[in-house]
Amino acid sequence: MVLTGNELVGPPVPMNLCGTPMTSPILKAFLFLIIATTLEASGDALLRRAIYEYVGVTRLGFFAIGATLLLGYGTSLNLAPLEFSQVVGLYIATLFVVWQVVNFVTFKSLPSAPIIVGGLLIVIGGLIVTFWRA
């Protein structure tokens, strides 16, 4: 094999639908938001379980784990590579989706029709707030 000098070295960079590298600040922020919202929803679910399902040392343990997850949420959200005002719409949309997943996994509760319809409006609104440039 003859190298011409035009070959790329290193791992391939994921490309978006437009053919440009997916290294945008919004993508990086989205990854932070996924982490933050997962920590937030999981921490909240653990605190709820601690309050209503456990007593004594087990309750304290669930409180400690939930509090640690919520601290991780606040930290990761504030480490996002964009100002919060720039990603607030994406944050709310992501939080809604992640909360539904955590709610199902933790409490075995499926969203009702009004929650699904309202959630679609939340996600659409979040995308508008994030990506619409006036």
N, C-alpha and C. Protein backbone atom coordinates (compact mmCIF):
# COMPACT_ATOMS: atom_id res chain seq x y z
N MET A 1 0.85 -1.18 0.00
CA MET A 1 0.00 0.00 0.00
C MET A 1 0.89 1.24 0.00
N VAL A 2 0.58 2.17 -0.87
CA VAL A 2 1.34 3.41 -0.98
C VAL A 2 0.56 4.52 -0.31
N LEU A 3 1.22 5.26 0.60
CA LEU A 3 0.57 6.38 1.26
C LEU A 3 0.83 7.65 0.48
N THR A 4 -0.21 8.41 0.26
CA THR A 4 -0.09 9.65 -0.53
C THR A 4 0.01 10.89 0.34
N GLY A 5 -0.19 10.73 1.65
CA GLY A 5 -0.14 11.89 2.54
C GLY A 5 -1.52 12.48 2.80
N ASN A 6 -2.54 11.99 2.09
CA ASN A 6 -3.89 12.51 2.26
C ASN A 6 -4.72 11.67 3.24
N GLU A 7 -4.11 10.61 3.79
CA GLU A 7 -4.83 9.75 4.70
C GLU A 7 -4.97 10.43 6.06
N LEU A 8 -6.08 10.18 6.71
CA LEU A 8 -6.30 10.72 8.05
C LEU A 8 -5.67 9.77 9.07
N VAL A 9 -5.05 10.33 10.07
CA VAL A 9 -4.45 9.54 11.12
C VAL A 9 -5.30 9.71 12.37
N GLY A 10 -5.54 8.62 13.08
CA GLY A 10 -6.32 8.70 14.31
C GLY A 10 -7.70 8.13 14.10
N PRO A 11 -8.46 8.11 15.19
CA PRO A 11 -9.81 7.54 15.10
C PRO A 11 -10.72 8.42 14.25
N PRO A 12 -11.68 7.81 13.59
CA PRO A 12 -12.60 8.61 12.77
C PRO A 12 -13.47 9.51 13.64
N VAL A 13 -13.75 10.69 13.14
CA VAL A 13 -14.61 11.64 13.84
C VAL A 13 -16.03 11.43 13.33
N PRO A 14 -17.01 11.25 14.24
CA PRO A 14 -18.39 11.09 13.78
C PRO A 14 -18.85 12.30 12.98
N MET A 15 -19.62 12.04 11.93
CA MET A 15 -20.10 13.11 11.07
C MET A 15 -21.61 13.25 11.24
N ASN A 16 -22.11 14.48 11.13
CA ASN A 16 -23.55 14.69 11.19
C ASN A 16 -24.15 14.52 9.79
N LEU A 17 -25.43 14.77 9.64
CA LEU A 17 -26.11 14.57 8.36
C LEU A 17 -25.60 15.51 7.28
N CYS A 18 -25.03 16.64 7.67
CA CYS A 18 -24.50 17.60 6.69
C CYS A 18 -23.07 17.27 6.27
N GLY A 19 -22.48 16.24 6.88
CA GLY A 19 -21.13 15.84 6.51
C GLY A 19 -20.04 16.60 7.26
N THR A 20 -20.40 17.35 8.28
CA THR A 20 -19.39 18.06 9.06
C THR A 20 -19.14 17.30 10.36
N PRO A 21 -17.94 17.46 10.91
CA PRO A 21 -17.62 16.72 12.14
C PRO A 21 -18.55 17.11 13.29
N MET A 22 -18.92 16.10 14.09
CA MET A 22 -19.82 16.33 15.21
C MET A 22 -19.01 16.72 16.45
N THR A 23 -18.37 17.85 16.38
CA THR A 23 -17.59 18.34 17.51
C THR A 23 -18.12 19.70 17.95
N SER A 24 -19.35 19.99 17.65
CA SER A 24 -19.93 21.29 17.95
C SER A 24 -20.12 21.46 19.46
N PRO A 25 -20.14 22.70 19.91
CA PRO A 25 -20.40 22.94 21.33
C PRO A 25 -21.76 22.39 21.78
N ILE A 26 -22.75 22.41 20.90
CA ILE A 26 -24.07 21.89 21.27
C ILE A 26 -23.99 20.39 21.52
N LEU A 27 -23.25 19.65 20.70
CA LEU A 27 -23.11 18.20 20.90
C LEU A 27 -22.39 17.92 22.22
N LYS A 28 -21.32 18.66 22.48
CA LYS A 28 -20.61 18.48 23.74
C LYS A 28 -21.52 18.81 24.91
N ALA A 29 -22.26 19.90 24.79
CA ALA A 29 -23.19 20.29 25.85
C ALA A 29 -24.26 19.21 26.03
N PHE A 30 -24.74 18.63 24.93
CA PHE A 30 -25.76 17.59 25.01
C PHE A 30 -25.25 16.39 25.80
N LEU A 31 -23.99 16.02 25.59
CA LEU A 31 -23.42 14.90 26.35
C LEU A 31 -23.37 15.23 27.84
N PHE A 32 -22.98 16.46 28.18
CA PHE A 32 -23.01 16.87 29.58
C PHE A 32 -24.43 16.85 30.11
N LEU A 33 -25.40 17.27 29.29
CA LEU A 33 -26.79 17.30 29.73
C LEU A 33 -27.34 15.90 29.97
N ILE A 34 -26.95 14.96 29.14
CA ILE A 34 -27.38 13.56 29.34
C ILE A 34 -26.87 13.07 30.69
N ILE A 35 -25.60 13.35 30.96
CA ILE A 35 -25.03 12.94 32.25
C ILE A 35 -25.75 13.65 33.39
N ALA A 36 -25.90 14.97 33.28
CA ALA A 36 -26.51 15.76 34.35
C ALA A 36 -27.95 15.33 34.61
N THR A 37 -28.74 15.18 33.57
CA THR A 37 -30.15 14.83 33.78
C THR A 37 -30.31 13.41 34.30
N THR A 38 -29.43 12.51 33.89
CA THR A 38 -29.48 11.14 34.42
C THR A 38 -29.16 11.15 35.91
N LEU A 39 -28.13 11.92 36.30
CA LEU A 39 -27.80 12.02 37.72
C LEU A 39 -28.93 12.67 38.50
N GLU A 40 -29.52 13.73 37.93
CA GLU A 40 -30.61 14.44 38.62
C GLU A 40 -31.83 13.54 38.82
N ALA A 41 -32.29 12.93 37.76
CA ALA A 41 -33.49 12.08 37.86
C ALA A 41 -33.25 10.87 38.75
N SER A 42 -32.07 10.28 38.65
CA SER A 42 -31.75 9.12 39.49
C SER A 42 -31.62 9.50 40.95
N GLY A 43 -30.95 10.63 41.22
CA GLY A 43 -30.82 11.09 42.60
C GLY A 43 -32.17 11.40 43.21
N ASP A 44 -33.03 12.05 42.45
CA ASP A 44 -34.38 12.37 42.93
C ASP A 44 -35.17 11.10 43.20
N ALA A 45 -35.06 10.12 42.31
CA ALA A 45 -35.79 8.86 42.50
C ALA A 45 -35.30 8.13 43.76
N LEU A 46 -34.00 8.15 44.00
CA LEU A 46 -33.48 7.49 45.21
C LEU A 46 -33.96 8.20 46.47
N LEU A 47 -33.97 9.53 46.44
CA LEU A 47 -34.48 10.27 47.61
C LEU A 47 -35.95 9.95 47.85
N ARG A 48 -36.72 9.87 46.79
CA ARG A 48 -38.14 9.54 46.93
C ARG A 48 -38.33 8.15 47.53
N ARG A 49 -37.53 7.20 47.06
CA ARG A 49 -37.61 5.85 47.62
C ARG A 49 -37.19 5.84 49.08
N ALA A 50 -36.14 6.61 49.42
CA ALA A 50 -35.68 6.66 50.81
C ALA A 50 -36.78 7.19 51.72
N ILE A 51 -37.49 8.19 51.27
CA ILE A 51 -38.55 8.80 52.09
C ILE A 51 -39.71 7.84 52.30
N TYR A 52 -40.14 7.17 51.24
CA TYR A 52 -41.39 6.41 51.30
C TYR A 52 -41.25 4.90 51.47
N GLU A 53 -40.04 4.36 51.24
CA GLU A 53 -39.93 2.91 51.26
C GLU A 53 -38.98 2.34 52.31
N TYR A 54 -38.11 3.17 52.87
CA TYR A 54 -37.09 2.63 53.76
C TYR A 54 -37.06 3.35 55.10
N VAL A 55 -36.45 2.71 56.09
CA VAL A 55 -36.29 3.30 57.42
C VAL A 55 -34.86 3.03 57.90
N GLY A 56 -34.46 3.74 58.94
CA GLY A 56 -33.19 3.47 59.61
C GLY A 56 -31.97 3.70 58.74
N VAL A 57 -31.01 2.80 58.89
CA VAL A 57 -29.73 2.91 58.19
C VAL A 57 -29.90 2.82 56.67
N THR A 58 -30.84 2.00 56.22
CA THR A 58 -31.08 1.89 54.77
C THR A 58 -31.56 3.22 54.22
N ARG A 59 -32.44 3.89 54.95
CA ARG A 59 -32.92 5.20 54.52
C ARG A 59 -31.76 6.19 54.43
N LEU A 60 -30.91 6.19 55.44
CA LEU A 60 -29.75 7.10 55.43
C LEU A 60 -28.82 6.80 54.26
N GLY A 61 -28.64 5.52 53.98
CA GLY A 61 -27.79 5.14 52.84
C GLY A 61 -28.37 5.64 51.52
N PHE A 62 -29.68 5.48 51.34
CA PHE A 62 -30.32 5.97 50.12
C PHE A 62 -30.24 7.49 50.04
N PHE A 63 -30.41 8.17 51.18
CA PHE A 63 -30.25 9.63 51.19
C PHE A 63 -28.84 10.03 50.77
N ALA A 64 -27.84 9.33 51.29
CA ALA A 64 -26.45 9.67 50.96
C ALA A 64 -26.15 9.45 49.48
N ILE A 65 -26.62 8.34 48.94
CA ILE A 65 -26.39 8.06 47.52
C ILE A 65 -27.14 9.07 46.66
N GLY A 66 -28.41 9.34 47.01
CA GLY A 66 -29.19 10.34 46.27
C GLY A 66 -28.55 11.71 46.30
N ALA A 67 -28.07 12.11 47.47
CA ALA A 67 -27.41 13.42 47.59
C ALA A 67 -26.13 13.47 46.76
N THR A 68 -25.39 12.38 46.72
CA THR A 68 -24.17 12.32 45.92
C THR A 68 -24.50 12.44 44.44
N LEU A 69 -25.56 11.76 44.00
CA LEU A 69 -25.97 11.87 42.59
C LEU A 69 -26.40 13.29 42.25
N LEU A 70 -27.13 13.94 43.17
CA LEU A 70 -27.56 15.32 42.92
C LEU A 70 -26.37 16.28 42.90
N LEU A 71 -25.35 16.02 43.71
CA LEU A 71 -24.13 16.83 43.65
C LEU A 71 -23.44 16.63 42.30
N GLY A 72 -23.42 15.39 41.83
CA GLY A 72 -22.85 15.11 40.50
C GLY A 72 -23.62 15.81 39.40
N TYR A 73 -24.94 15.87 39.55
CA TYR A 73 -25.78 16.58 38.58
C TYR A 73 -25.39 18.06 38.52
N GLY A 74 -25.33 18.71 39.65
CA GLY A 74 -24.99 20.13 39.67
C GLY A 74 -23.61 20.39 39.12
N THR A 75 -22.67 19.52 39.44
CA THR A 75 -21.30 19.69 38.96
C THR A 75 -21.23 19.51 37.45
N SER A 76 -21.82 18.44 36.94
CA SER A 76 -21.73 18.19 35.49
C SER A 76 -22.47 19.25 34.69
N LEU A 77 -23.60 19.72 35.20
CA LEU A 77 -24.34 20.76 34.49
C LEU A 77 -23.51 22.04 34.39
N ASN A 78 -22.80 22.37 35.45
CA ASN A 78 -21.99 23.58 35.45
C ASN A 78 -20.66 23.42 34.73
N LEU A 79 -20.29 22.21 34.37
CA LEU A 79 -19.08 21.97 33.58
C LEU A 79 -19.37 21.95 32.08
N ALA A 80 -20.64 22.03 31.69
CA ALA A 80 -20.99 22.02 30.27
C ALA A 80 -20.25 23.14 29.55
N PRO A 81 -19.80 22.90 28.31
CA PRO A 81 -18.97 23.87 27.60
C PRO A 81 -19.70 25.09 27.07
N LEU A 82 -20.96 25.27 27.41
CA LEU A 82 -21.72 26.45 27.00
C LEU A 82 -22.37 27.08 28.21
N GLU A 83 -22.72 28.34 28.09
CA GLU A 83 -23.48 28.99 29.14
C GLU A 83 -24.84 28.30 29.26
N PHE A 84 -25.33 28.20 30.49
CA PHE A 84 -26.60 27.51 30.71
C PHE A 84 -27.73 28.14 29.91
N SER A 85 -27.70 29.46 29.75
CA SER A 85 -28.76 30.14 29.00
C SER A 85 -28.82 29.67 27.55
N GLN A 86 -27.70 29.16 27.03
CA GLN A 86 -27.65 28.69 25.65
C GLN A 86 -28.23 27.29 25.49
N VAL A 87 -28.28 26.52 26.57
CA VAL A 87 -28.74 25.13 26.45
C VAL A 87 -29.96 24.83 27.32
N VAL A 88 -30.58 25.88 27.87
CA VAL A 88 -31.69 25.65 28.79
C VAL A 88 -32.84 24.88 28.12
N GLY A 89 -33.15 25.17 26.87
CA GLY A 89 -34.21 24.45 26.18
C GLY A 89 -33.88 22.98 26.01
N LEU A 90 -32.64 22.71 25.60
CA LEU A 90 -32.20 21.33 25.43
C LEU A 90 -32.17 20.61 26.78
N TYR A 91 -31.81 21.34 27.82
CA TYR A 91 -31.78 20.77 29.17
C TYR A 91 -33.17 20.31 29.59
N ILE A 92 -34.16 21.16 29.42
CA ILE A 92 -35.53 20.82 29.83
C ILE A 92 -36.05 19.63 29.02
N ALA A 93 -35.80 19.63 27.72
CA ALA A 93 -36.24 18.51 26.87
C ALA A 93 -35.55 17.21 27.28
N THR A 94 -34.25 17.29 27.53
CA THR A 94 -33.49 16.10 27.93
C THR A 94 -33.96 15.60 29.29
N LEU A 95 -34.17 16.53 30.21
CA LEU A 95 -34.63 16.15 31.55
C LEU A 95 -35.97 15.42 31.47
N PHE A 96 -36.89 15.90 30.64
CA PHE A 96 -38.19 15.24 30.52
C PHE A 96 -38.02 13.79 30.04
N VAL A 97 -37.23 13.60 28.99
CA VAL A 97 -37.06 12.25 28.43
C VAL A 97 -36.36 11.33 29.44
N VAL A 98 -35.28 11.81 30.04
CA VAL A 98 -34.55 10.98 31.00
C VAL A 98 -35.42 10.66 32.21
N TRP A 99 -36.21 11.64 32.67
CA TRP A 99 -37.06 11.36 33.82
C TRP A 99 -38.07 10.27 33.49
N GLN A 100 -38.60 10.23 32.30
CA GLN A 100 -39.56 9.18 31.94
C GLN A 100 -38.88 7.81 31.96
N VAL A 101 -37.64 7.74 31.49
CA VAL A 101 -36.90 6.46 31.51
C VAL A 101 -36.64 6.04 32.96
N VAL A 102 -36.13 6.97 33.77
CA VAL A 102 -35.85 6.65 35.18
C VAL A 102 -37.13 6.29 35.92
N ASN A 103 -38.20 6.99 35.64
CA ASN A 103 -39.49 6.71 36.27
C ASN A 103 -39.95 5.29 35.95
N PHE A 104 -39.76 4.87 34.71
CA PHE A 104 -40.15 3.52 34.33
C PHE A 104 -39.25 2.48 34.99
N VAL A 105 -37.94 2.71 34.94
CA VAL A 105 -36.99 1.74 35.50
C VAL A 105 -37.16 1.63 37.02
N THR A 106 -37.31 2.76 37.69
CA THR A 106 -37.36 2.77 39.15
C THR A 106 -38.73 2.41 39.71
N PHE A 107 -39.78 2.99 39.13
CA PHE A 107 -41.12 2.83 39.69
C PHE A 107 -42.06 1.99 38.82
N LYS A 108 -41.56 1.49 37.69
CA LYS A 108 -42.37 0.66 36.77
C LYS A 108 -43.64 1.38 36.33
N SER A 109 -43.50 2.68 36.07
CA SER A 109 -44.65 3.51 35.70
C SER A 109 -44.50 4.02 34.27
N LEU A 110 -45.46 3.68 33.43
CA LEU A 110 -45.46 4.17 32.06
C LEU A 110 -46.15 5.53 32.00
N PRO A 111 -45.68 6.43 31.13
CA PRO A 111 -46.34 7.73 31.02
C PRO A 111 -47.73 7.59 30.38
N SER A 112 -48.67 8.40 30.87
CA SER A 112 -50.02 8.41 30.32
C SER A 112 -50.04 9.23 29.03
N ALA A 113 -51.17 9.19 28.33
CA ALA A 113 -51.31 9.95 27.08
C ALA A 113 -51.06 11.45 27.29
N PRO A 114 -51.62 12.08 28.33
CA PRO A 114 -51.34 13.51 28.52
C PRO A 114 -49.85 13.80 28.76
N ILE A 115 -49.17 12.90 29.45
CA ILE A 115 -47.74 13.09 29.69
C ILE A 115 -46.97 12.96 28.38
N ILE A 116 -47.35 12.01 27.54
CA ILE A 116 -46.67 11.85 26.25
C ILE A 116 -46.90 13.07 25.37
N VAL A 117 -48.14 13.53 25.26
CA VAL A 117 -48.44 14.70 24.43
C VAL A 117 -47.76 15.95 24.98
N GLY A 118 -47.88 16.16 26.29
CA GLY A 118 -47.21 17.30 26.90
C GLY A 118 -45.70 17.20 26.75
N GLY A 119 -45.17 15.99 26.87
CA GLY A 119 -43.73 15.78 26.69
C GLY A 119 -43.25 16.10 25.29
N LEU A 120 -44.06 15.74 24.30
CA LEU A 120 -43.71 16.11 22.92
C LEU A 120 -43.64 17.62 22.77
N LEU A 121 -44.58 18.32 23.39
CA LEU A 121 -44.55 19.79 23.35
C LEU A 121 -43.31 20.34 24.07
N ILE A 122 -42.94 19.71 25.19
CA ILE A 122 -41.73 20.13 25.91
C ILE A 122 -40.50 19.93 25.03
N VAL A 123 -40.40 18.77 24.41
CA VAL A 123 -39.23 18.48 23.57
C VAL A 123 -39.19 19.43 22.36
N ILE A 124 -40.31 19.62 21.71
CA ILE A 124 -40.35 20.54 20.56
C ILE A 124 -39.99 21.96 21.01
N GLY A 125 -40.55 22.40 22.12
CA GLY A 125 -40.23 23.72 22.65
C GLY A 125 -38.77 23.85 23.00
N GLY A 126 -38.21 22.81 23.61
CA GLY A 126 -36.78 22.83 23.95
C GLY A 126 -35.89 22.94 22.74
N LEU A 127 -36.27 22.23 21.67
CA LEU A 127 -35.50 22.31 20.43
C LEU A 127 -35.61 23.70 19.80
N ILE A 128 -36.80 24.29 19.85
CA ILE A 128 -36.98 25.64 19.32
C ILE A 128 -36.13 26.64 20.10
N VAL A 129 -36.19 26.58 21.41
CA VAL A 129 -35.42 27.50 22.25
C VAL A 129 -33.93 27.35 21.99
N THR A 130 -33.47 26.13 21.79
CA THR A 130 -32.04 25.89 21.61
C THR A 130 -31.53 26.25 20.22
N PHE A 131 -32.29 25.90 19.20
CA PHE A 131 -31.73 26.00 17.84
C PHE A 131 -32.27 27.13 16.98
N TRP A 132 -33.38 27.76 17.35
CA TRP A 132 -33.94 28.84 16.55
C TRP A 132 -33.12 30.10 16.76
N ARG A 133 -32.54 30.58 15.70
CA ARG A 133 -31.73 31.80 15.76
C ARG A 133 -32.52 32.92 15.10
N ALA A 134 -32.92 33.91 15.88
CA ALA A 134 -33.71 35.03 15.36
C ALA A 134 -32.81 36.09 14.76
